[in-house]
Each structure stands twice: as structure tokens, then as C-alpha cells.
C-alpha atoms as a PDB file:
ATOM      1  CA  MET A   1       0.485-149.699 440.189  1.00  0.00           C
ATOM      2  CA  MET A   2       2.792-146.864 439.546  1.00  0.00           C
ATOM      3  CA  ARG A   3       6.120-148.496 439.806  1.00  0.00           C
ATOM      4  CA  SER A   4       9.021-147.281 442.283  1.00  0.00           C
ATOM      5  CA  VAL A   5      10.992-144.886 440.094  1.00  0.00           C
ATOM      6  CA  PRO A   6      14.714-144.317 441.477  1.00  0.00           C
ATOM      7  CA  ALA A   7      15.686-140.859 442.587  1.00  0.00           C
ATOM      8  CA  PRO A   8      16.343-138.493 439.663  1.00  0.00           C
ATOM      9  CA  ALA A   9      20.181-137.717 438.715  1.00  0.00           C
ATOM     10  CA  SER A  10      21.185-135.017 436.389  1.00  0.00           C
ATOM     11  CA  PHE A  11      22.785-135.246 433.018  1.00  0.00           C
ATOM     12  CA  LEU A  12      26.207-135.986 433.690  1.00  0.00           C
ATOM     13  CA  PHE A  13      27.612-136.117 430.405  1.00  0.00           C
ATOM     14  CA  SER A  14      31.599-136.503 428.902  1.00  0.00           C
ATOM     15  CA  THR A  15      32.036-134.771 425.941  1.00  0.00           C
ATOM     16  CA  CYS A  16      35.516-137.005 425.541  1.00  0.00           C
ATOM     17  CA  HIS A  17      35.667-139.826 422.901  1.00  0.00           C
ATOM     18  CA  PHE A  18      37.779-142.639 423.053  1.00  0.00           C
ATOM     19  CA  HIS A  19      38.095-144.724 419.783  1.00  0.00           C
ATOM     20  CA  SER A  20      39.602-148.879 420.429  1.00  0.00           C
ATOM     21  CA  ALA A  21      42.801-148.835 422.449  1.00  0.00           C
ATOM     22  CA  PRO A  22      45.693-150.221 419.515  1.00  0.00           C
ATOM     23  CA  ALA A  23      46.312-153.426 419.187  1.00  0.00           C
ATOM     24  CA  PRO A  24      49.376-154.293 421.891  1.00  0.00           C
ATOM     25  CA  LEU A  25      52.792-152.612 421.185  1.00  0.00           C
ATOM     26  CA  LEU A  26      54.355-156.120 421.248  1.00  0.00           C
ATOM     27  CA  SER A  27      52.277-157.945 418.871  1.00  0.00           C
ATOM     28  CA  SER A  28      54.252-155.695 416.055  1.00  0.00           C
ATOM     29  CA  GLY A  29      57.591-157.198 416.530  1.00  0.00           C
ATOM     30  CA  LEU A  30      58.996-154.101 417.717  1.00  0.00           C
ATOM     31  CA  LYS A  31      61.957-154.627 420.158  1.00  0.00           C
ATOM     32  CA  LEU A  32      61.825-151.632 422.916  1.00  0.00           C
ATOM     33  CA  GLU A  33      64.196-150.998 425.696  1.00  0.00           C
ATOM     34  CA  PRO A  34      62.988-152.057 429.538  1.00  0.00           C
ATOM     35  CA  LEU A  35      62.176-148.456 430.207  1.00  0.00           C
ATOM     36  CA  LYS A  36      60.708-147.628 427.189  1.00  0.00           C
ATOM     37  CA  LEU A  37      58.463-150.740 426.967  1.00  0.00           C
ATOM     38  CA  ALA A  38      56.847-149.974 430.795  1.00  0.00           C
ATOM     39  CA  LYS A  39      56.050-146.011 429.787  1.00  0.00           C
ATOM     40  CA  CYS A  40      54.067-147.851 427.095  1.00  0.00           C
ATOM     41  CA  LEU A  41      52.589-150.362 429.006  1.00  0.00           C
ATOM     42  CA  ILE A  42      51.609-147.419 431.780  1.00  0.00           C
ATOM     43  CA  GLU A  43      50.330-145.226 429.422  1.00  0.00           C
ATOM     44  CA  LYS A  44      48.072-147.857 427.619  1.00  0.00           C
ATOM     45  CA  ARG A  45      46.728-148.602 431.594  1.00  0.00           C
ATOM     46  CA  GLN A  46      46.097-145.158 431.895  1.00  0.00           C
ATOM     47  CA  LEU A  47      43.862-144.690 429.017  1.00  0.00           C
ATOM     48  CA  HIS A  48      42.500-147.778 429.984  1.00  0.00           C
ATOM     49  CA  ASP A  49      41.471-146.380 433.675  1.00  0.00           C
ATOM     50  CA  LEU A  50      40.098-143.042 431.701  1.00  0.00           C
ATOM     51  CA  LYS A  51      38.279-144.966 429.510  1.00  0.00           C
ATOM     52  CA  LYS A  52      36.356-146.378 432.417  1.00  0.00           C
ATOM     53  CA  SER A  53      36.254-143.293 434.835  1.00  0.00           C
ATOM     54  CA  SER A  54      34.424-141.419 431.415  1.00  0.00           C
ATOM     55  CA  ARG A  55      31.594-144.498 431.798  1.00  0.00           C
ATOM     56  CA  VAL A  56      30.798-143.191 435.284  1.00  0.00           C
ATOM     57  CA  LEU A  57      30.954-139.298 433.776  1.00  0.00           C
ATOM     58  CA  SER A  58      28.624-140.888 430.703  1.00  0.00           C
ATOM     59  CA  TYR A  59      25.546-142.123 432.423  1.00  0.00           C
ATOM     60  CA  TYR A  60      22.384-140.762 430.929  1.00  0.00           C
ATOM     61  CA  GLY A  61      20.206-140.433 433.764  1.00  0.00           C
ATOM     62  CA  LEU A  62      16.353-139.517 434.551  1.00  0.00           C
ATOM     63  CA  THR A  63      16.209-135.227 434.908  1.00  0.00           C
ATOM     64  CA  THR A  64      13.378-134.005 437.183  1.00  0.00           C
ATOM     65  CA  PRO A  65      10.405-131.646 435.763  1.00  0.00           C
ATOM     66  CA  PRO A  66      11.464-128.241 436.918  1.00  0.00           C
ATOM     67  CA  TYR A  67       8.282-128.337 438.905  1.00  0.00           C
ATOM     68  CA  LYS A  68       5.983-130.549 441.179  1.00  0.00           C
ATOM     69  CA  LEU A  69       4.281-133.510 439.479  1.00  0.00           C
ATOM     70  CA  ASP A  70       1.162-131.802 440.236  1.00  0.00           C
ATOM     71  CA  ALA A  71       2.253-127.895 439.060  1.00  0.00           C
ATOM     72  CA  LEU A  72       0.830-128.856 436.062  1.00  0.00           C
ATOM     73  CA  GLU A  73      -3.296-129.117 437.220  1.00  0.00           C
ATOM     74  CA  PRO A  74      -6.045-129.126 436.177  1.00  0.00           C
ATOM     75  CA  TYR A  75      -4.080-129.198 432.720  1.00  0.00           C
ATOM     76  CA  ILE A  76      -2.167-132.039 433.155  1.00  0.00           C
ATOM     77  CA  SER A  77      -2.636-134.015 435.822  1.00  0.00           C
ATOM     78  CA  LYS A  78      -0.280-135.443 438.716  1.00  0.00           C
ATOM     79  CA  ARG A  79      -1.383-139.095 437.410  1.00  0.00           C
ATOM     80  CA  THR A  80      -0.566-138.320 433.445  1.00  0.00           C
ATOM     81  CA  LEU A  81       2.734-137.149 434.997  1.00  0.00           C
ATOM     82  CA  GLU A  82       3.645-139.702 437.145  1.00  0.00           C
ATOM     83  CA  LEU A  83       3.089-142.031 434.257  1.00  0.00           C
ATOM     84  CA  HIS A  84       4.613-140.104 431.350  1.00  0.00           C
ATOM     85  CA  TRP A  85       7.811-139.065 433.287  1.00  0.00           C
ATOM     86  CA  GLY A  86       8.064-141.727 435.826  1.00  0.00           C
ATOM     87  CA  GLY A  87       7.475-144.492 433.819  1.00  0.00           C
ATOM     88  CA  HIS A  88       7.644-143.552 430.097  1.00  0.00           C
ATOM     89  CA  HIS A  89      10.489-141.137 430.527  1.00  0.00           C
ATOM     90  CA  HIS A  90      12.189-142.976 433.168  1.00  0.00           C
ATOM     91  CA  ASP A  91      12.131-146.212 430.714  1.00  0.00           C
ATOM     92  CA  TYR A  92      13.809-144.464 427.807  1.00  0.00           C
ATOM     93  CA  VAL A  93      16.452-143.654 430.197  1.00  0.00           C
ATOM     94  CA  GLU A  94      17.004-147.216 431.421  1.00  0.00           C
ATOM     95  CA  SER A  95      16.919-149.013 428.016  1.00  0.00           C
ATOM     96  CA  LEU A  96      19.240-146.468 426.438  1.00  0.00           C
ATOM     97  CA  ASN A  97      21.800-147.209 428.917  1.00  0.00           C
ATOM     98  CA  THR A  98      21.112-151.073 428.535  1.00  0.00           C
ATOM     99  CA  GLN A  99      21.857-150.372 424.653  1.00  0.00           C
ATOM    100  CA  LEU A 100      25.059-148.526 425.198  1.00  0.00           C
ATOM    101  CA  LYS A 101      26.858-150.721 427.953  1.00  0.00           C
ATOM    102  CA  ASP A 102      30.433-151.120 426.484  1.00  0.00           C
ATOM    103  CA  SER A 103      29.116-148.965 423.111  1.00  0.00           C
ATOM    104  CA  PRO A 104      32.208-146.975 422.338  1.00  0.00           C
ATOM    105  CA  LEU A 105      28.912-144.511 421.854  1.00  0.00           C
ATOM    106  CA  TYR A 106      28.441-144.050 425.844  1.00  0.00           C
ATOM    107  CA  GLY A 107      30.807-141.146 425.570  1.00  0.00           C
ATOM    108  CA  TYR A 108      28.775-138.983 423.511  1.00  0.00           C
ATOM    109  CA  THR A 109      26.427-136.136 424.669  1.00  0.00           C
ATOM    110  CA  LEU A 110      22.493-136.756 423.634  1.00  0.00           C
ATOM    111  CA  GLU A 111      23.289-134.354 420.904  1.00  0.00           C
ATOM    112  CA  GLU A 112      25.932-136.528 419.911  1.00  0.00           C
ATOM    113  CA  LEU A 113      24.223-139.173 420.242  1.00  0.00           C
ATOM    114  CA  ILE A 114      20.929-138.468 418.330  1.00  0.00           C
ATOM    115  CA  LYS A 115      22.562-136.985 415.341  1.00  0.00           C
ATOM    116  CA  ALA A 116      25.066-140.327 414.804  1.00  0.00           C
ATOM    117  CA  THR A 117      22.549-142.465 415.399  1.00  0.00           C
ATOM    118  CA  TYR A 118      20.156-141.230 413.541  1.00  0.00           C
ATOM    119  CA  ASN A 119      22.222-141.878 410.424  1.00  0.00           C
ATOM    120  CA  ASN A 120      20.960-139.536 407.498  1.00  0.00           C
ATOM    121  CA  GLY A 121      17.771-141.210 408.357  1.00  0.00           C
ATOM    122  CA  ASN A 122      18.774-144.854 408.308  1.00  0.00           C
ATOM    123  CA  PRO A 123      18.239-144.708 412.421  1.00  0.00           C
ATOM    124  CA  LEU A 124      20.627-147.288 414.557  1.00  0.00           C
ATOM    125  CA  PRO A 125      18.680-149.729 417.291  1.00  0.00           C
ATOM    126  CA  GLU A 126      19.790-147.025 419.995  1.00  0.00           C
ATOM    127  CA  PHE A 127      18.491-144.085 417.842  1.00  0.00           C
ATOM    128  CA  ASN A 128      14.773-144.330 419.449  1.00  0.00           C
ATOM    129  CA  ASN A 129      15.771-144.160 423.065  1.00  0.00           C
ATOM    130  CA  ALA A 130      18.427-141.237 422.800  1.00  0.00           C
ATOM    131  CA  ALA A 131      15.606-138.758 420.879  1.00  0.00           C
ATOM    132  CA  GLN A 132      13.132-139.886 423.101  1.00  0.00           C
ATOM    133  CA  VAL A 133      14.852-138.891 426.192  1.00  0.00           C
ATOM    134  CA  TRP A 134      16.066-135.885 424.830  1.00  0.00           C
ATOM    135  CA  ASN A 135      12.558-134.674 423.521  1.00  0.00           C
ATOM    136  CA  HIS A 136      11.420-135.308 427.570  1.00  0.00           C
ATOM    137  CA  ASP A 137      13.839-133.079 428.933  1.00  0.00           C
ATOM    138  CA  PHE A 138      12.801-130.482 426.372  1.00  0.00           C
ATOM    139  CA  PHE A 139       9.017-130.567 426.774  1.00  0.00           C
ATOM    140  CA  TRP A 140       9.144-130.580 430.323  1.00  0.00           C
ATOM    141  CA  GLU A 141      11.031-127.296 430.382  1.00  0.00           C
ATOM    142  CA  SER A 142       8.542-125.845 427.444  1.00  0.00           C
ATOM    143  CA  MET A 143       5.910-126.044 430.105  1.00  0.00           C
ATOM    144  CA  HIS A 144       5.263-123.614 432.994  1.00  0.00           C
ATOM    145  CA  PRO A 145       2.672-123.742 435.546  1.00  0.00           C
ATOM    146  CA  ASP A 146       2.522-119.765 435.051  1.00  0.00           C
ATOM    147  CA  GLY A 147       2.531-120.311 431.278  1.00  0.00           C
ATOM    148  CA  GLY A 148       0.452-119.305 428.592  1.00  0.00           C
ATOM    149  CA  LYS A 149      -0.776-115.711 427.766  1.00  0.00           C
ATOM    150  CA  LEU A 150       2.279-113.954 425.206  1.00  0.00           C
ATOM    151  CA  PRO A 151       5.229-114.204 424.844  1.00  0.00           C
ATOM    152  CA  TRP A 152       7.562-110.609 425.186  1.00  0.00           C
ATOM    153  CA  GLY A 153      10.284-108.433 423.751  1.00  0.00           C
ATOM    154  CA  GLY A 154      12.588-110.638 420.359  1.00  0.00           C
ATOM    155  CA  LEU A 155      10.558-113.399 420.485  1.00  0.00           C
ATOM    156  CA  LEU A 156       7.311-111.855 420.098  1.00  0.00           C
ATOM    157  CA  GLN A 157       8.859-109.687 417.390  1.00  0.00           C
ATOM    158  CA  GLN A 158      10.310-112.685 415.642  1.00  0.00           C
ATOM    159  CA  ILE A 159       7.151-114.381 415.703  1.00  0.00           C
ATOM    160  CA  GLU A 160       5.164-111.422 414.287  1.00  0.00           C
ATOM    161  CA  LYS A 161       8.143-111.172 411.831  1.00  0.00           C
ATOM    162  CA  ASP A 162       7.754-114.696 410.456  1.00  0.00           C
ATOM    163  CA  PHE A 163       3.967-115.290 410.840  1.00  0.00           C
ATOM    164  CA  ASP A 164       2.455-111.818 410.322  1.00  0.00           C
ATOM    165  CA  SER A 165       1.123-111.810 414.200  1.00  0.00           C
ATOM    166  CA  PHE A 166       1.274-113.984 417.451  1.00  0.00           C
ATOM    167  CA  SER A 167      -2.631-115.084 416.289  1.00  0.00           C
ATOM    168  CA  ASN A 168      -1.613-116.320 412.909  1.00  0.00           C
ATOM    169  CA  PHE A 169       1.809-118.580 414.827  1.00  0.00           C
ATOM    170  CA  ARG A 170      -1.013-119.944 417.339  1.00  0.00           C
ATOM    171  CA  ASP A 171      -3.421-121.188 415.261  1.00  0.00           C
ATOM    172  CA  GLU A 172      -0.462-122.792 412.739  1.00  0.00           C
ATOM    173  CA  PHE A 173       1.410-124.087 416.023  1.00  0.00           C
ATOM    174  CA  MET A 174      -2.599-125.851 417.008  1.00  0.00           C
ATOM    175  CA  LYS A 175      -3.794-126.890 413.119  1.00  0.00           C
ATOM    176  CA  SER A 176      -0.744-128.506 413.014  1.00  0.00           C
ATOM    177  CA  ALA A 177      -0.418-130.729 415.745  1.00  0.00           C
ATOM    178  CA  MET A 178      -4.217-131.584 415.145  1.00  0.00           C
ATOM    179  CA  LYS A 179      -2.924-132.611 411.487  1.00  0.00           C
ATOM    180  CA  LEU A 180      -0.124-135.047 413.126  1.00  0.00           C
ATOM    181  CA  PHE A 181      -1.502-138.928 412.121  1.00  0.00           C
ATOM    182  CA  GLY A 182      -0.478-141.204 414.849  1.00  0.00           C
ATOM    183  CA  SER A 183       2.576-140.475 417.709  1.00  0.00           C
ATOM    184  CA  GLY A 184       4.999-137.462 417.198  1.00  0.00           C
ATOM    185  CA  TRP A 185       5.842-134.051 418.022  1.00  0.00           C
ATOM    186  CA  VAL A 186       5.191-130.228 416.956  1.00  0.00           C
ATOM    187  CA  TRP A 187       8.288-128.100 417.636  1.00  0.00           C
ATOM    188  CA  LEU A 188       8.403-124.556 417.047  1.00  0.00           C
ATOM    189  CA  VAL A 189      11.784-124.075 415.235  1.00  0.00           C
ATOM    190  CA  LEU A 190      14.546-121.473 414.439  1.00  0.00           C
ATOM    191  CA  LYS A 191      15.968-122.571 410.253  1.00  0.00           C
ATOM    192  CA  ARG A 192      19.713-121.653 410.001  1.00  0.00           C
ATOM    193  CA  GLU A 193      20.154-121.361 406.859  1.00  0.00           C
ATOM    194  CA  GLU A 194      16.653-118.774 406.181  1.00  0.00           C
ATOM    195  CA  LYS A 195      17.221-117.385 409.774  1.00  0.00           C
ATOM    196  CA  ARG A 196      13.373-117.031 410.538  1.00  0.00           C
ATOM    197  CA  LEU A 197      11.042-119.362 412.904  1.00  0.00           C
ATOM    198  CA  ALA A 198       8.852-122.420 411.225  1.00  0.00           C
ATOM    199  CA  VAL A 199       6.325-124.539 412.980  1.00  0.00           C
ATOM    200  CA  VAL A 200       7.569-128.626 412.035  1.00  0.00           C
ATOM    201  CA  ARG A 201       6.332-131.915 412.838  1.00  0.00           C
ATOM    202  CA  THR A 202       8.055-135.025 413.312  1.00  0.00           C
ATOM    203  CA  SER A 203       7.200-138.525 413.461  1.00  0.00           C
ATOM    204  CA  ASN A 204       7.525-140.587 416.303  1.00  0.00           C
ATOM    205  CA  ALA A 205      11.316-140.053 418.103  1.00  0.00           C
ATOM    206  CA  VAL A 206      12.415-137.854 415.332  1.00  0.00           C
ATOM    207  CA  CYS A 207      13.452-134.337 416.642  1.00  0.00           C
ATOM    208  CA  PRO A 208      14.566-131.790 414.752  1.00  0.00           C
ATOM    209  CA  LEU A 209      18.260-131.586 415.510  1.00  0.00           C
ATOM    210  CA  VAL A 210      18.574-134.006 412.734  1.00  0.00           C
ATOM    211  CA  PHE A 211      17.793-131.459 410.300  1.00  0.00           C
ATOM    212  CA  ASP A 212      19.645-129.383 411.480  1.00  0.00           C
ATOM    213  CA  ASP A 213      17.024-126.730 413.140  1.00  0.00           C
ATOM    214  CA  ILE A 214      17.219-125.544 416.545  1.00  0.00           C
ATOM    215  CA  PRO A 215      14.301-126.210 418.460  1.00  0.00           C
ATOM    216  CA  ILE A 216      12.419-123.441 420.669  1.00  0.00           C
ATOM    217  CA  LEU A 217       9.197-124.926 421.756  1.00  0.00           C
ATOM    218  CA  SER A 218       7.733-128.873 421.682  1.00  0.00           C
ATOM    219  CA  LEU A 219       4.676-130.278 422.548  1.00  0.00           C
ATOM    220  CA  ASP A 220       4.623-134.158 422.810  1.00  0.00           C
ATOM    221  CA  MET A 221       1.749-135.605 420.518  1.00  0.00           C
ATOM    222  CA  TRP A 222       2.067-139.153 422.213  1.00  0.00           C
ATOM    223  CA  GLU A 223      -0.965-140.098 423.455  1.00  0.00           C
ATOM    224  CA  HIS A 224       0.414-141.155 426.720  1.00  0.00           C
ATOM    225  CA  ALA A 225       0.936-137.667 426.948  1.00  0.00           C
ATOM    226  CA  TYR A 226      -2.815-136.672 427.145  1.00  0.00           C
ATOM    227  CA  TYR A 227      -5.016-139.365 427.192  1.00  0.00           C
ATOM    228  CA  LEU A 228      -5.846-140.014 430.864  1.00  0.00           C
ATOM    229  CA  ASP A 229      -6.681-136.581 431.292  1.00  0.00           C
ATOM    230  CA  TYR A 230      -8.259-135.569 427.913  1.00  0.00           C
ATOM    231  CA  LYS A 231      -9.030-139.259 425.951  1.00  0.00           C
ATOM    232  CA  ASP A 232      -9.487-138.460 422.656  1.00  0.00           C
ATOM    233  CA  ASP A 233      -9.889-134.775 422.814  1.00  0.00           C
ATOM    234  CA  ARG A 234      -6.545-133.696 421.125  1.00  0.00           C
ATOM    235  CA  GLU A 235      -7.894-130.285 420.600  1.00  0.00           C
ATOM    236  CA  ARG A 236      -8.339-129.172 423.905  1.00  0.00           C
ATOM    237  CA  TYR A 237      -4.839-130.590 425.143  1.00  0.00           C
ATOM    238  CA  ILE A 238      -3.487-128.571 422.540  1.00  0.00           C
ATOM    239  CA  SER A 239      -5.633-125.450 423.417  1.00  0.00           C
ATOM    240  CA  ASN A 240      -4.790-125.623 427.006  1.00  0.00           C
ATOM    241  CA  PHE A 241      -1.163-126.166 426.028  1.00  0.00           C
ATOM    242  CA  MET A 242      -1.064-122.997 424.166  1.00  0.00           C
ATOM    243  CA  ASN A 243      -3.250-121.224 426.436  1.00  0.00           C
ATOM    244  CA  HIS A 244      -1.977-122.163 429.528  1.00  0.00           C
ATOM    245  CA  LEU A 245       1.048-124.255 429.926  1.00  0.00           C
ATOM    246  CA  VAL A 246       3.724-123.187 427.356  1.00  0.00           C
ATOM    247  CA  SER A 247       6.757-121.801 428.554  1.00  0.00           C
ATOM    248  CA  TRP A 248       7.153-118.315 427.107  1.00  0.00           C
ATOM    249  CA  HIS A 249      10.547-117.798 429.715  1.00  0.00           C
ATOM    250  CA  SER A 250      12.030-121.302 428.284  1.00  0.00           C
ATOM    251  CA  ALA A 251      11.339-119.945 425.064  1.00  0.00           C
ATOM    252  CA  THR A 252      12.980-116.823 425.034  1.00  0.00           C
ATOM    253  CA  LEU A 253      16.087-117.568 426.496  1.00  0.00           C
ATOM    254  CA  ARG A 254      15.901-120.807 423.581  1.00  0.00           C
ATOM    255  CA  ILE A 255      15.902-118.210 420.767  1.00  0.00           C
ATOM    256  CA  ALA A 256      18.606-115.948 422.355  1.00  0.00           C
ATOM    257  CA  ARG A 257      21.024-118.578 422.358  1.00  0.00           C
ATOM    258  CA  ALA A 258      20.107-119.791 419.042  1.00  0.00           C
ATOM    259  CA  GLU A 259      20.204-116.434 417.561  1.00  0.00           C
ATOM    260  CA  ALA A 260      23.888-115.822 418.864  1.00  0.00           C
ATOM    261  CA  PHE A 261      24.784-119.383 417.253  1.00  0.00           C
ATOM    262  CA  VAL A 262      23.297-118.605 414.057  1.00  0.00           C
ATOM    263  CA  ASN A 263      24.354-115.158 414.108  1.00  0.00           C
ATOM    264  CA  LEU A 264      28.259-116.072 415.450  1.00  0.00           C
ATOM    265  CA  GLY A 265      28.079-119.354 413.306  1.00  0.00           C
ATOM    266  CA  GLU A 266      27.515-122.351 415.668  1.00  0.00           C
ATOM    267  CA  PRO A 267      30.172-124.452 415.556  1.00  0.00           C
ATOM    268  CA  LYS A 268      29.012-128.022 414.225  1.00  0.00           C
ATOM    269  CA  ILE A 269      28.417-130.955 416.268  1.00  0.00           C
ATOM    270  CA  PRO A 270      31.321-133.900 415.864  1.00  0.00           C
ATOM    271  CA  VAL A 271      29.388-137.437 415.072  1.00  0.00           C
ATOM    272  CA  ALA A 272      29.899-140.591 414.370  1.00  0.00           C
END
């Protein structure tokens, strides 16, 4: 039986970072005038209250797919999305909030949290849940009930430039997905340094953010994403995604933003 899922909440993130409070002023042996001491205590209390309020803003919520759960049928069933979004994605969110309770990392955005907890290839315990929450948010927006067909405008031109043709890109994306062993993701990314599009595979929860690539499109290749509808026929799942579900509208918006960042020099995301 499907578990009850709490009403989804939008992500509310605080970008403020708070570090451990300094040692109490009195422990230093310094003698402060009463007014100065009172002022210091008030400022310390205000910092404490601000930290408490930021915890509320930092709650990582379960975002809703941008369509009804039956909108992707017959290619992805309502039953699959109920399990995938209402079960797996929901559990990643809940587990992440549990892991980060009382943690100084709780004020980070998801992107900051992913980069910090990836820890240069030696992931911290929080990494998997943080990355999977972000990966699924991104994946839902990579699909649309009226998806598939062909991209247009600048995105199509960039694909044709970097892959010689859209057909070549499509074949490379599908072959890459078929070659992925075990669980993971397939991505269309913009490489920052080369300023070109590329297809990449990542295992388990890893996402391109940790390699400083800019994701444009993704396909979830974990079994829970397709097994109820396709069993072990991964090729049909991949083909239906490319032909009927992929949201070129979302991809177009993402590449426009990505190209602006690359051309103007995107600020580096601060990490721990």
C-alpha cells in the first residue's frame, strides 16, 4: 500500500552560513563595563535567534513534479511516479533532514551541500541523500507530457555543432544509458572549460555538479525509475524518454542560463 505523503513544500533555502559561536566573553578573563557586557550579550542572543530562524528557512522540502502524476502515461505510469516521487524521492528528503539536524551544514543550498559533502571524491554520509534530492528535482523538470520531438533554436544549433547532428546526439545518449552498469544517471552537460556539450554517465547518486559541469538534461537509470513499467527492457524506457518525454523547453532555458554563466564567468559556489 502506498504510504501517505505529506503535502509537498517548495524548497526554502537560506544562503547564510553560520559557524560555531565564539567562546563566552567572560571566559577570557576580560573585564567589561556593564553597558559593553550587556551589548555583547544582546548581540550574542541575536546571533543565536538568527541561527534558530535560519534553521526554519533551511528545511529541505519535497518539490512536486511540474505535472500531474498520471500526465506521463502511457510512457511512465502514475503507479511508478507514486512510488518514485512519493516513495523514493520523499525518503531521500526525509533522510537528508534527519542527517543534517543540528548540523552547521543545514544552512547550505543543495548545490553547496553537494559540493561540500562530495569531499573531493571521498563523500561524507550526507552526500548521497543531498545529491539524490537534487537529481530528482532536476529529473522531473527534464520531462514533459508533450515532450520528445526535436529541440529548436540555439540548443539545436549547439547540439549539431558538438555532435555533428541531432541524430548522433540521440544515439550517443541512448548508447551511454544502455552501457551504464547498475544504478546511476545519464546527463547532457555543458563543459565549462571546453564550452561544449557532452554526454556523461554517473554512478549511484553522483551528479555533474561535483565535476564542475553544468547539467542540461538527465535520465534516471535506477531500476525504481522504470521497472514497474518496463521490467528489464531498459532500451524501450530510454527510447520512450527520448522520443516522447524529454523536455526541450527546460533544456533550452538551462543552456541559455549555462552559456551566460560560462561567458560571463560564473561565481564559484563556496564550499566547506
